Amino acid sequence: MGDAKRRKQTGLPEAKRIVSWLPLTTDQSSEFVRVSTRFAWIGIGLLVLGWVTVRLIGPTFGWWQLVG
């Protein structure tokens, strides 16, 4: 038995879609925003770590020298 048919027979509420023709629910969109926000902050943290490494840590340990 399909999930949609079982929901109709048992009276369970259907997931609310964002747009009727798009198979994405509001719960899925909220989850996407949560996950993408987390990965954006991870990316920002890695960018800052890379900048600190290139600008401060590398020259301090003599891995390379800054010019200018």
PDB file of N, CA and C in Angstrom:
ATOM      1  N   MET A   1       0.858  -1.171   0.000  1.00  0.00           N
ATOM      2  CA  MET A   1       0.000   0.000   0.000  1.00  0.00           C
ATOM      3  C   MET A   1       0.903   1.232   0.000  1.00  0.00           C
ATOM      4  N   GLY A   2       0.570   2.194  -0.840  1.00  0.00           N
ATOM      5  CA  GLY A   2       1.355   3.418  -0.932  1.00  0.00           C
ATOM      6  C   GLY A   2       1.143   4.310   0.273  1.00  0.00           C
ATOM      7  N   ASP A   3       2.100   5.167   0.514  1.00  0.00           N
ATOM      8  CA  ASP A   3       2.055   6.047   1.676  1.00  0.00           C
ATOM      9  C   ASP A   3       0.878   7.018   1.594  1.00  0.00           C
ATOM     10  N   ALA A   4       0.615   7.572   0.413  1.00  0.00           N
ATOM     11  CA  ALA A   4      -0.488   8.522   0.257  1.00  0.00           C
ATOM     12  C   ALA A   4      -1.834   7.842   0.527  1.00  0.00           C
ATOM     13  N   LYS A   5      -1.998   6.620   0.036  1.00  0.00           N
ATOM     14  CA  LYS A   5      -3.250   5.890   0.246  1.00  0.00           C
ATOM     15  C   LYS A   5      -3.426   5.556   1.732  1.00  0.00           C
ATOM     16  N   ARG A   6      -2.339   5.142   2.383  1.00  0.00           N
ATOM     17  CA  ARG A   6      -2.414   4.810   3.807  1.00  0.00           C
ATOM     18  C   ARG A   6      -2.767   6.053   4.633  1.00  0.00           C
ATOM     19  N   ARG A   7      -2.201   7.195   4.285  1.00  0.00           N
ATOM     20  CA  ARG A   7      -2.504   8.431   5.005  1.00  0.00           C
ATOM     21  C   ARG A   7      -3.983   8.804   4.868  1.00  0.00           C
ATOM     22  N   LYS A   8      -4.528   8.636   3.671  1.00  0.00           N
ATOM     23  CA  LYS A   8      -5.943   8.957   3.462  1.00  0.00           C
ATOM     24  C   LYS A   8      -6.832   8.035   4.287  1.00  0.00           C
ATOM     25  N   GLN A   9      -6.481   6.744   4.336  1.00  0.00           N
ATOM     26  CA  GLN A   9      -7.316   5.783   5.051  1.00  0.00           C
ATOM     27  C   GLN A   9      -7.230   5.968   6.563  1.00  0.00           C
ATOM     28  N   THR A  10      -6.058   6.302   7.076  1.00  0.00           N
ATOM     29  CA  THR A  10      -5.908   6.443   8.525  1.00  0.00           C
ATOM     30  C   THR A  10      -6.200   7.855   9.015  1.00  0.00           C
ATOM     31  N   GLY A  11      -6.317   8.810   8.096  1.00  0.00           N
ATOM     32  CA  GLY A  11      -6.642  10.177   8.492  1.00  0.00           C
ATOM     33  C   GLY A  11      -5.436  10.970   8.964  1.00  0.00           C
ATOM     34  N   LEU A  12      -4.234  10.518   8.639  1.00  0.00           N
ATOM     35  CA  LEU A  12      -3.031  11.260   9.013  1.00  0.00           C
ATOM     36  C   LEU A  12      -2.913  12.514   8.152  1.00  0.00           C
ATOM     37  N   PRO A  13      -2.390  13.583   8.719  1.00  0.00           N
ATOM     38  CA  PRO A  13      -2.263  14.810   7.923  1.00  0.00           C
ATOM     39  C   PRO A  13      -1.176  14.656   6.850  1.00  0.00           C
ATOM     40  N   GLU A  14      -1.420  15.272   5.711  1.00  0.00           N
ATOM     41  CA  GLU A  14      -0.427  15.240   4.641  1.00  0.00           C
ATOM     42  C   GLU A  14       0.593  16.351   4.866  1.00  0.00           C
ATOM     43  N   ALA A  15       1.812  16.112   4.399  1.00  0.00           N
ATOM     44  CA  ALA A  15       2.846  17.131   4.514  1.00  0.00           C
ATOM     45  C   ALA A  15       2.496  18.298   3.598  1.00  0.00           C
ATOM     46  N   LYS A  16       2.688  19.501   4.111  1.00  0.00           N
ATOM     47  CA  LYS A  16       2.336  20.690   3.350  1.00  0.00           C
ATOM     48  C   LYS A  16       3.441  21.009   2.345  1.00  0.00           C
ATOM     49  N   ARG A  17       3.069  21.111   1.088  1.00  0.00           N
ATOM     50  CA  ARG A  17       4.028  21.399   0.025  1.00  0.00           C
ATOM     51  C   ARG A  17       4.204  22.903  -0.128  1.00  0.00           C
ATOM     52  N   ILE A  18       5.395  23.293  -0.582  1.00  0.00           N
ATOM     53  CA  ILE A  18       5.675  24.704  -0.829  1.00  0.00           C
ATOM     54  C   ILE A  18       4.861  25.172  -2.038  1.00  0.00           C
ATOM     55  N   VAL A  19       4.987  24.431  -3.120  1.00  0.00           N
ATOM     56  CA  VAL A  19       4.230  24.681  -4.352  1.00  0.00           C
ATOM     57  C   VAL A  19       3.596  23.353  -4.730  1.00  0.00           C
ATOM     58  N   SER A  20       2.372  23.396  -5.206  1.00  0.00           N
ATOM     59  CA  SER A  20       1.637  22.147  -5.451  1.00  0.00           C
ATOM     60  C   SER A  20       2.341  21.221  -6.435  1.00  0.00           C
ATOM     61  N   TRP A  21       3.024  21.759  -7.449  1.00  0.00           N
ATOM     62  CA  TRP A  21       3.656  20.930  -8.469  1.00  0.00           C
ATOM     63  C   TRP A  21       5.086  20.538  -8.123  1.00  0.00           C
ATOM     64  N   LEU A  22       5.634  21.063  -7.041  1.00  0.00           N
ATOM     65  CA  LEU A  22       7.006  20.769  -6.637  1.00  0.00           C
ATOM     66  C   LEU A  22       6.984  19.813  -5.449  1.00  0.00           C
ATOM     67  N   PRO A  23       7.656  18.661  -5.543  1.00  0.00           N
ATOM     68  CA  PRO A  23       7.566  17.675  -4.465  1.00  0.00           C
ATOM     69  C   PRO A  23       8.476  17.993  -3.269  1.00  0.00           C
ATOM     70  N   LEU A  24       8.433  19.223  -2.784  1.00  0.00           N
ATOM     71  CA  LEU A  24       9.189  19.617  -1.596  1.00  0.00           C
ATOM     72  C   LEU A  24       8.226  20.130  -0.537  1.00  0.00           C
ATOM     73  N   THR A  25       8.433  19.674   0.692  1.00  0.00           N
ATOM     74  CA  THR A  25       7.552  20.096   1.778  1.00  0.00           C
ATOM     75  C   THR A  25       8.199  21.233   2.557  1.00  0.00           C
ATOM     76  N   THR A  26       7.411  21.871   3.386  1.00  0.00           N
ATOM     77  CA  THR A  26       7.936  22.966   4.200  1.00  0.00           C
ATOM     78  C   THR A  26       8.963  22.451   5.208  1.00  0.00           C
ATOM     79  N   ASP A  27       8.793  21.236   5.691  1.00  0.00           N
ATOM     80  CA  ASP A  27       9.774  20.655   6.606  1.00  0.00           C
ATOM     81  C   ASP A  27      11.114  20.444   5.913  1.00  0.00           C
ATOM     82  N   GLN A  28      11.070  19.990   4.661  1.00  0.00           N
ATOM     83  CA  GLN A  28      12.302  19.790   3.906  1.00  0.00           C
ATOM     84  C   GLN A  28      13.000  21.119   3.637  1.00  0.00           C
ATOM     85  N   SER A  29      12.241  22.166   3.369  1.00  0.00           N
ATOM     86  CA  SER A  29      12.857  23.467   3.118  1.00  0.00           C
ATOM     87  C   SER A  29      13.494  24.012   4.384  1.00  0.00           C
ATOM     88  N   SER A  30      12.868  23.811   5.526  1.00  0.00           N
ATOM     89  CA  SER A  30      13.454  24.252   6.794  1.00  0.00           C
ATOM     90  C   SER A  30      14.740  23.495   7.088  1.00  0.00           C
ATOM     91  N   GLU A  31      14.750  22.204   6.815  1.00  0.00           N
ATOM     92  CA  GLU A  31      15.952  21.387   7.019  1.00  0.00           C
ATOM     93  C   GLU A  31      17.073  21.841   6.094  1.00  0.00           C
ATOM     94  N   PHE A  32      16.744  22.175   4.842  1.00  0.00           N
ATOM     95  CA  PHE A  32      17.746  22.660   3.893  1.00  0.00           C
ATOM     96  C   PHE A  32      18.370  23.960   4.385  1.00  0.00           C
ATOM     97  N   VAL A  33      17.567  24.868   4.878  1.00  0.00           N
ATOM     98  CA  VAL A  33      18.084  26.141   5.387  1.00  0.00           C
ATOM     99  C   VAL A  33      18.992  25.897   6.585  1.00  0.00           C
ATOM    100  N   ARG A  34      18.605  25.001   7.473  1.00  0.00           N
ATOM    101  CA  ARG A  34      19.412  24.703   8.652  1.00  0.00           C
ATOM    102  C   ARG A  34      20.773  24.122   8.262  1.00  0.00           C
ATOM    103  N   VAL A  35      20.764  23.157   7.353  1.00  0.00           N
ATOM    104  CA  VAL A  35      22.004  22.499   6.936  1.00  0.00           C
ATOM    105  C   VAL A  35      22.897  23.463   6.162  1.00  0.00           C
ATOM    106  N   SER A  36      22.314  24.235   5.239  1.00  0.00           N
ATOM    107  CA  SER A  36      23.128  25.156   4.442  1.00  0.00           C
ATOM    108  C   SER A  36      23.720  26.272   5.309  1.00  0.00           C
ATOM    109  N   THR A  37      23.004  26.705   6.326  1.00  0.00           N
ATOM    110  CA  THR A  37      23.545  27.711   7.244  1.00  0.00           C
ATOM    111  C   THR A  37      24.721  27.144   8.020  1.00  0.00           C
ATOM    112  N   ARG A  38      24.611  25.908   8.476  1.00  0.00           N
ATOM    113  CA  ARG A  38      25.705  25.271   9.206  1.00  0.00           C
ATOM    114  C   ARG A  38      26.951  25.156   8.327  1.00  0.00           C
ATOM    115  N   PHE A  39      26.780  24.710   7.070  1.00  0.00           N
ATOM    116  CA  PHE A  39      27.928  24.577   6.178  1.00  0.00           C
ATOM    117  C   PHE A  39      28.515  25.933   5.790  1.00  0.00           C
ATOM    118  N   ALA A  40      27.686  26.971   5.719  1.00  0.00           N
ATOM    119  CA  ALA A  40      28.201  28.308   5.439  1.00  0.00           C
ATOM    120  C   ALA A  40      29.116  28.762   6.570  1.00  0.00           C
ATOM    121  N   TRP A  41      28.724  28.541   7.816  1.00  0.00           N
ATOM    122  CA  TRP A  41      29.577  28.917   8.953  1.00  0.00           C
ATOM    123  C   TRP A  41      30.853  28.093   8.981  1.00  0.00           C
ATOM    124  N   ILE A  42      30.769  26.823   8.614  1.00  0.00           N
ATOM    125  CA  ILE A  42      31.982  25.991   8.535  1.00  0.00           C
ATOM    126  C   ILE A  42      32.919  26.561   7.473  1.00  0.00           C
ATOM    127  N   GLY A  43      32.381  26.964   6.335  1.00  0.00           N
ATOM    128  CA  GLY A  43      33.186  27.559   5.271  1.00  0.00           C
ATOM    129  C   GLY A  43      33.839  28.864   5.709  1.00  0.00           C
ATOM    130  N   ILE A  44      33.097  29.696   6.421  1.00  0.00           N
ATOM    131  CA  ILE A  44      33.660  30.950   6.927  1.00  0.00           C
ATOM    132  C   ILE A  44      34.796  30.664   7.899  1.00  0.00           C
ATOM    133  N   GLY A  45      34.606  29.677   8.771  1.00  0.00           N
ATOM    134  CA  GLY A  45      35.659  29.303   9.719  1.00  0.00           C
ATOM    135  C   GLY A  45      36.908  28.798   9.017  1.00  0.00           C
ATOM    136  N   LEU A  46      36.739  27.978   7.977  1.00  0.00           N
ATOM    137  CA  LEU A  46      37.893  27.484   7.224  1.00  0.00           C
ATOM    138  C   LEU A  46      38.602  28.615   6.484  1.00  0.00           C
ATOM    139  N   LEU A  47      37.853  29.572   5.972  1.00  0.00           N
ATOM    140  CA  LEU A  47      38.445  30.723   5.306  1.00  0.00           C
ATOM    141  C   LEU A  47      39.290  31.541   6.280  1.00  0.00           C
ATOM    142  N   VAL A  48      38.769  31.786   7.472  1.00  0.00           N
ATOM    143  CA  VAL A  48      39.518  32.531   8.488  1.00  0.00           C
ATOM    144  C   VAL A  48      40.763  31.757   8.903  1.00  0.00           C
ATOM    145  N   LEU A  49      40.634  30.450   9.092  1.00  0.00           N
ATOM    146  CA  LEU A  49      41.782  29.621   9.455  1.00  0.00           C
ATOM    147  C   LEU A  49      42.857  29.664   8.372  1.00  0.00           C
ATOM    148  N   GLY A  50      42.456  29.594   7.118  1.00  0.00           N
ATOM    149  CA  GLY A  50      43.408  29.681   6.022  1.00  0.00           C
ATOM    150  C   GLY A  50      44.101  31.027   5.977  1.00  0.00           C
ATOM    151  N   TRP A  51      43.339  32.104   6.193  1.00  0.00           N
ATOM    152  CA  TRP A  51      43.933  33.433   6.183  1.00  0.00           C
ATOM    153  C   TRP A  51      44.952  33.581   7.307  1.00  0.00           C
ATOM    154  N   VAL A  52      44.596  33.111   8.509  1.00  0.00           N
ATOM    155  CA  VAL A  52      45.518  33.194   9.642  1.00  0.00           C
ATOM    156  C   VAL A  52      46.774  32.379   9.362  1.00  0.00           C
ATOM    157  N   THR A  53      46.616  31.231   8.744  1.00  0.00           N
ATOM    158  CA  THR A  53      47.781  30.398   8.417  1.00  0.00           C
ATOM    159  C   THR A  53      48.695  31.106   7.427  1.00  0.00           C
ATOM    160  N   VAL A  54      48.138  31.649   6.371  1.00  0.00           N
ATOM    161  CA  VAL A  54      48.957  32.306   5.344  1.00  0.00           C
ATOM    162  C   VAL A  54      49.580  33.591   5.870  1.00  0.00           C
ATOM    163  N   ARG A  55      48.842  34.346   6.633  1.00  0.00           N
ATOM    164  CA  ARG A  55      49.298  35.668   7.049  1.00  0.00           C
ATOM    165  C   ARG A  55      50.180  35.623   8.294  1.00  0.00           C
ATOM    166  N   LEU A  56      49.906  34.725   9.246  1.00  0.00           N
ATOM    167  CA  LEU A  56      50.608  34.757  10.531  1.00  0.00           C
ATOM    168  C   LEU A  56      51.449  33.518  10.816  1.00  0.00           C
ATOM    169  N   ILE A  57      50.859  32.346  10.694  1.00  0.00           N
ATOM    170  CA  ILE A  57      51.540  31.120  11.121  1.00  0.00           C
ATOM    171  C   ILE A  57      52.682  30.759  10.176  1.00  0.00           C
ATOM    172  N   GLY A  58      52.442  30.813   8.868  1.00  0.00           N
ATOM    173  CA  GLY A  58      53.473  30.456   7.895  1.00  0.00           C
ATOM    174  C   GLY A  58      54.735  31.287   8.018  1.00  0.00           C
ATOM    175  N   PRO A  59      54.628  32.611   8.001  1.00  0.00           N
ATOM    176  CA  PRO A  59      55.837  33.428   8.150  1.00  0.00           C
ATOM    177  C   PRO A  59      56.524  33.251   9.506  1.00  0.00           C
ATOM    178  N   THR A  60      55.763  33.021  10.564  1.00  0.00           N
ATOM    179  CA  THR A  60      56.352  32.840  11.893  1.00  0.00           C
ATOM    180  C   THR A  60      57.246  31.605  11.930  1.00  0.00           C
ATOM    181  N   PHE A  61      56.820  30.517  11.310  1.00  0.00           N
ATOM    182  CA  PHE A  61      57.605  29.284  11.293  1.00  0.00           C
ATOM    183  C   PHE A  61      58.603  29.229  10.133  1.00  0.00           C
ATOM    184  N   GLY A  62      58.670  30.271   9.326  1.00  0.00           N
ATOM    185  CA  GLY A  62      59.613  30.325   8.225  1.00  0.00           C
ATOM    186  C   GLY A  62      59.241  29.472   7.039  1.00  0.00           C
ATOM    187  N   TRP A  63      57.963  29.140   6.897  1.00  0.00           N
ATOM    188  CA  TRP A  63      57.518  28.335   5.769  1.00  0.00           C
ATOM    189  C   TRP A  63      57.597  29.155   4.477  1.00  0.00           C
ATOM    190  N   TRP A  64      57.367  30.467   4.565  1.00  0.00           N
ATOM    191  CA  TRP A  64      57.482  31.381   3.437  1.00  0.00           C
ATOM    192  C   TRP A  64      57.620  32.780   3.996  1.00  0.00           C
ATOM    193  N   GLN A  65      57.903  33.728   3.140  1.00  0.00           N
ATOM    194  CA  GLN A  65      58.071  35.122   3.563  1.00  0.00           C
ATOM    195  C   GLN A  65      57.073  35.979   2.812  1.00  0.00           C
ATOM    196  N   LEU A  66      56.515  36.940   3.522  1.00  0.00           N
ATOM    197  CA  LEU A  66      55.594  37.858   2.898  1.00  0.00           C
ATOM    198  C   LEU A  66      56.394  38.919   2.154  1.00  0.00           C
ATOM    199  N   VAL A  67      55.938  39.308   0.991  1.00  0.00           N
ATOM    200  CA  VAL A  67      56.609  40.335   0.195  1.00  0.00           C
ATOM    201  C   VAL A  67      55.727  41.559   0.191  1.00  0.00           C
ATOM    202  N   GLY A  68      56.315  42.685   0.510  1.00  0.00           N
ATOM    203  CA  GLY A  68      55.577  43.950   0.457  1.00  0.00           C
ATOM    204  C   GLY A  68      55.021  44.303   1.739  1.00  0.00           C
TER     205      GLY A  68
END
